[in-house]
Amino acid sequence: MLRQLRRLGVRRVRREHGNALCAAIVEMKHLENLNITTITADETINLNFVSSPTQLQRLHLKAKLDTLPDWVPKLEYLVEIKLALSKLKDDPLKSLKDLPNLLKLSMWDNAYDGEILNFQNGGFLKLKKLNLSRLNRVNSIIIDKGALLSLENILMGKIPQVKEVPSGIKHLDNLKDIIFTDMAAELSESIDPDKGQHYWIIKHVPFVFIRHWIGPNLLDFDSHAIHSSS
């Protein structure tokens, strides 16, 4: 029965569950959607399978990882990946950039524990949506010319050390909107249409929004739009 599963969600996973979980997943030859969440944010698990779930299309890992599992970059049918709490020491973008069908990438809650995220030239050529949120140690986001050529939507929130908008955004001709949420005041001021020194970087994007959470509810935001070129 397990071999026919197409969707699997496992919560409250502990370190000692790792080997048994990997062994079970390897047998699921038709698995398309995998969601794994550990019992606590500090629970490290090993997800290095003997062989990769080759049909996987959506992957959500909410778990601390020593390294990104080496089978992830081999998932040729993957369209969506979400990483949270992973605290990866090495920039995961280097491993993910050549996934041929990836459309949506989300990195949340200190998925990466380094300082620089670099979208390299030629990488993420089909990606449509990018969500970067609550990455406390990241202080620089670099987008090389020739990366993210199909990108349409950016959501960037609560990355307090990033003070400047990534200059590589100017190369992203297909961008439809950018939402900045609770970013540093320096970044918000730098893209002000009247006096921002970096407004030129985002002026080609049809819709750019700056939001600040004012609470107490999750959706209580003070939001204003920067009207860019039509």
Protein backbone atom coordinates (compact mmCIF):
# COMPACT_ATOMS: atom_id res chain seq x y z
CA MET A 1 0.00 0.00 0.00
CA LEU A 2 2.78 2.43 0.93
CA ARG A 3 4.41 1.88 -2.43
CA GLN A 4 1.42 3.49 -4.16
CA LEU A 5 1.43 6.68 -2.05
CA ARG A 6 1.61 9.94 -3.97
CA ARG A 7 1.46 12.33 -1.00
CA LEU A 8 3.19 11.96 2.37
CA GLY A 9 3.27 14.36 5.31
CA VAL A 10 5.16 13.47 8.48
CA ARG A 11 5.25 15.67 11.59
CA ARG A 12 7.06 15.58 14.94
CA VAL A 13 9.95 13.64 13.45
CA ARG A 14 12.89 12.88 15.76
CA ARG A 15 16.52 12.23 14.88
CA GLU A 16 16.17 8.53 15.63
CA HIS A 17 13.36 8.24 13.09
CA GLY A 18 15.66 9.22 10.21
CA ASN A 19 16.83 5.80 9.01
CA ALA A 20 13.39 4.20 9.16
CA LEU A 21 11.79 7.18 7.41
CA CYS A 22 14.37 7.12 4.63
CA ALA A 23 13.94 3.38 4.14
CA ALA A 24 10.17 3.77 3.84
CA ILE A 25 10.33 6.68 1.40
CA VAL A 26 12.72 4.83 -0.90
CA GLU A 27 9.98 2.24 -1.43
CA MET A 28 7.43 4.89 -2.48
CA LYS A 29 8.13 4.87 -6.19
CA HIS A 30 5.15 7.07 -7.08
CA LEU A 31 5.62 9.75 -4.40
CA GLU A 32 4.95 13.24 -5.78
CA ASN A 33 4.52 15.39 -2.65
CA LEU A 34 6.68 15.09 0.49
CA ASN A 35 6.36 17.22 3.64
CA ILE A 36 8.60 16.55 6.67
CA THR A 37 8.55 18.55 9.93
CA THR A 38 10.69 17.76 12.98
CA ILE A 39 9.42 17.75 16.54
CA THR A 40 11.46 20.86 17.47
CA ALA A 41 13.42 23.52 15.59
CA ASP A 42 16.73 22.13 16.90
CA GLU A 43 16.12 18.48 16.01
CA THR A 44 18.63 17.55 13.29
CA ILE A 45 17.70 14.73 10.92
CA ASN A 46 19.56 12.88 8.20
CA LEU A 47 17.61 12.45 4.97
CA ASN A 48 20.26 10.92 2.75
CA PHE A 49 18.28 8.20 1.00
CA VAL A 50 19.91 5.29 -0.81
CA SER A 51 18.07 6.45 -3.93
CA SER A 52 15.98 9.54 -4.60
CA PRO A 53 12.16 9.62 -4.92
CA THR A 54 12.42 10.26 -8.65
CA GLN A 55 8.80 11.35 -9.26
CA LEU A 56 8.77 14.02 -6.55
CA GLN A 57 7.19 17.32 -7.63
CA ARG A 58 6.79 19.17 -4.32
CA LEU A 59 9.13 19.07 -1.34
CA HIS A 60 8.73 20.85 2.00
CA LEU A 61 11.42 20.30 4.63
CA LYS A 62 10.88 22.04 7.95
CA ALA A 63 13.84 20.57 9.75
CA LYS A 64 17.41 21.29 10.78
CA LEU A 65 19.81 19.64 8.34
CA ASP A 66 23.57 19.14 8.46
CA THR A 67 23.59 19.42 4.67
CA LEU A 68 21.04 19.59 1.88
CA PRO A 69 20.31 15.95 0.94
CA ASP A 70 22.36 15.06 -2.13
CA TRP A 71 19.31 13.61 -3.91
CA VAL A 72 17.46 16.94 -3.99
CA PRO A 73 19.40 18.45 -6.95
CA LYS A 74 18.59 15.29 -8.93
CA LEU A 75 14.80 15.75 -8.78
CA GLU A 76 14.13 16.57 -12.43
CA TYR A 77 10.33 16.81 -11.95
CA LEU A 78 10.45 19.07 -8.90
CA VAL A 79 8.34 22.22 -9.37
CA GLU A 80 8.29 23.53 -5.79
CA ILE A 81 10.64 23.40 -2.82
CA LYS A 82 10.22 24.96 0.62
CA LEU A 83 13.03 24.95 3.18
CA ALA A 84 12.55 26.13 6.76
CA LEU A 85 14.59 25.87 9.99
CA SER A 86 17.32 24.05 8.06
CA LYS A 87 20.24 26.28 9.20
CA LEU A 88 22.31 25.14 6.26
CA LYS A 89 25.92 26.31 6.43
CA ASP A 90 26.48 26.19 2.66
CA ASP A 91 24.45 28.32 0.25
CA PRO A 92 21.74 25.90 -0.98
CA LEU A 93 21.25 27.94 -4.15
CA LYS A 94 24.40 26.38 -5.60
CA SER A 95 22.78 22.95 -5.39
CA LEU A 96 19.29 23.98 -6.48
CA LYS A 97 20.06 26.31 -9.38
CA ASP A 98 20.03 23.66 -12.12
CA LEU A 99 16.74 21.96 -11.23
CA PRO A 100 15.16 21.94 -14.70
CA ASN A 101 11.48 22.40 -13.80
CA LEU A 102 11.55 24.36 -10.54
CA LEU A 103 8.87 27.07 -10.52
CA LYS A 104 8.66 28.09 -6.87
CA LEU A 105 11.37 28.43 -4.21
CA SER A 106 10.71 29.38 -0.59
CA MET A 107 13.35 29.75 2.12
CA TRP A 108 12.03 30.65 5.57
CA ASP A 109 13.01 30.77 9.22
CA ASN A 110 16.78 30.56 8.90
CA ALA A 111 16.77 27.90 6.23
CA TYR A 112 20.26 29.25 5.46
CA ASP A 113 22.67 30.20 8.25
CA GLY A 114 25.16 32.08 6.09
CA GLU A 115 25.55 35.73 5.12
CA ILE A 116 25.42 35.79 1.31
CA LEU A 117 22.79 34.31 -1.01
CA ASN A 118 23.96 34.26 -4.62
CA PHE A 119 21.70 33.49 -7.58
CA GLN A 120 24.35 32.59 -10.13
CA ASN A 121 24.35 33.26 -13.86
CA GLY A 122 22.35 30.63 -15.72
CA GLY A 123 20.56 29.37 -12.63
CA PHE A 124 16.84 28.99 -11.89
CA LEU A 125 15.85 29.63 -15.49
CA LYS A 126 12.20 28.52 -15.06
CA LEU A 127 11.58 29.87 -11.56
CA LYS A 128 8.43 32.03 -11.33
CA LYS A 129 8.04 32.72 -7.61
CA LEU A 130 10.67 33.46 -4.96
CA ASN A 131 9.93 33.79 -1.25
CA LEU A 132 12.72 34.70 1.17
CA SER A 133 11.59 35.34 4.75
CA ARG A 134 13.07 35.48 8.24
CA LEU A 135 16.69 34.81 7.31
CA ASN A 136 18.42 36.49 10.22
CA ARG A 137 22.08 36.11 9.23
CA VAL A 138 21.80 36.95 5.53
CA ASN A 139 23.21 40.42 4.83
CA SER A 140 23.56 40.33 1.05
CA ILE A 141 21.46 38.94 -1.80
CA ILE A 142 23.25 38.83 -5.15
CA ILE A 143 21.43 38.21 -8.42
CA ASP A 144 23.84 37.68 -11.31
CA LYS A 145 22.89 38.79 -14.79
CA GLY A 146 21.55 35.71 -16.54
CA ALA A 147 19.89 34.24 -13.43
CA LEU A 148 16.16 34.04 -12.67
CA LEU A 149 15.21 35.05 -16.20
CA SER A 150 11.58 33.87 -15.88
CA LEU A 151 10.95 35.24 -12.38
CA GLU A 152 7.59 37.00 -11.95
CA ASN A 153 7.05 37.41 -8.19
CA ILE A 154 9.36 38.21 -5.28
CA LEU A 155 8.35 38.22 -1.63
CA MET A 156 11.13 39.33 0.69
CA GLY A 157 10.38 39.73 4.38
CA LYS A 158 12.06 40.14 7.75
CA ILE A 159 15.67 39.84 6.61
CA PRO A 160 16.99 42.52 8.97
CA GLN A 161 20.63 42.56 7.87
CA VAL A 162 19.84 43.28 4.20
CA LYS A 163 20.03 47.06 3.87
CA GLU A 164 20.05 47.35 0.07
CA VAL A 165 17.74 46.05 -2.65
CA PRO A 166 19.56 43.46 -4.80
CA SER A 167 20.91 45.39 -7.78
CA GLY A 168 20.45 42.37 -10.06
CA ILE A 169 16.70 42.94 -9.99
CA LYS A 170 17.29 45.44 -12.79
CA HIS A 171 17.99 42.50 -15.13
CA LEU A 172 14.70 40.70 -14.37
CA ASP A 173 12.52 41.83 -17.25
CA ASN A 174 9.61 39.49 -16.48
CA LEU A 175 9.03 40.62 -12.91
CA LYS A 176 5.40 41.54 -12.21
CA ASP A 177 5.57 42.42 -8.54
CA ILE A 178 7.80 42.66 -5.49
CA ILE A 179 6.57 42.74 -1.90
CA PHE A 180 8.98 43.88 0.83
CA THR A 181 7.69 43.09 4.33
CA ASP A 182 9.33 44.41 7.51
CA MET A 183 12.65 45.02 5.82
CA ALA A 184 15.29 47.46 7.07
CA ALA A 185 14.37 51.14 6.95
CA GLU A 186 17.46 51.80 4.84
CA LEU A 187 16.17 49.50 2.11
CA SER A 188 12.70 51.04 2.09
CA GLU A 189 14.11 54.56 1.93
CA SER A 190 16.51 53.66 -0.88
CA ILE A 191 13.66 52.75 -3.26
CA ASP A 192 11.50 55.79 -2.58
CA PRO A 193 10.40 57.13 -6.01
CA ASP A 194 11.25 60.73 -5.11
CA LYS A 195 14.54 60.50 -3.27
CA GLY A 196 15.67 56.88 -3.19
CA GLN A 197 19.14 56.32 -4.63
CA HIS A 198 18.24 52.76 -5.71
CA TYR A 199 14.78 53.40 -7.12
CA TRP A 200 16.21 52.90 -10.61
CA ILE A 201 16.77 49.22 -9.79
CA ILE A 202 13.05 48.49 -9.36
CA LYS A 203 11.40 51.17 -11.48
CA HIS A 204 10.64 48.74 -14.34
CA VAL A 205 8.58 46.46 -12.05
CA PRO A 206 4.83 47.18 -12.45
CA PHE A 207 3.94 46.74 -8.77
CA VAL A 208 6.21 47.18 -5.76
CA PHE A 209 4.76 47.14 -2.26
CA ILE A 210 6.30 47.94 1.11
CA ARG A 211 4.51 46.44 4.11
CA HIS A 212 5.06 46.63 7.85
CA TRP A 213 3.33 44.37 10.32
CA ILE A 214 1.44 46.38 12.93
CA GLY A 215 -0.30 43.44 14.69
CA PRO A 216 -1.82 41.90 16.66
CA ASN A 217 -3.30 39.70 13.94
CA LEU A 218 -1.25 37.89 11.34
CA LEU A 219 -2.66 39.95 8.46
CA ASP A 220 -2.51 43.37 10.15
CA PHE A 221 -0.18 45.25 7.81
CA ASP A 222 0.46 48.88 7.03
CA SER A 223 1.07 48.76 3.28
CA HIS A 224 1.82 51.25 0.55
CA ALA A 225 2.53 50.84 -3.12
CA ILE A 226 5.37 52.30 -5.11
CA HIS A 227 3.95 53.13 -8.52
CA SER A 228 6.51 52.11 -11.09
CA SER A 229 6.41 52.30 -14.85
CA SER A 230 3.33 50.78 -16.49
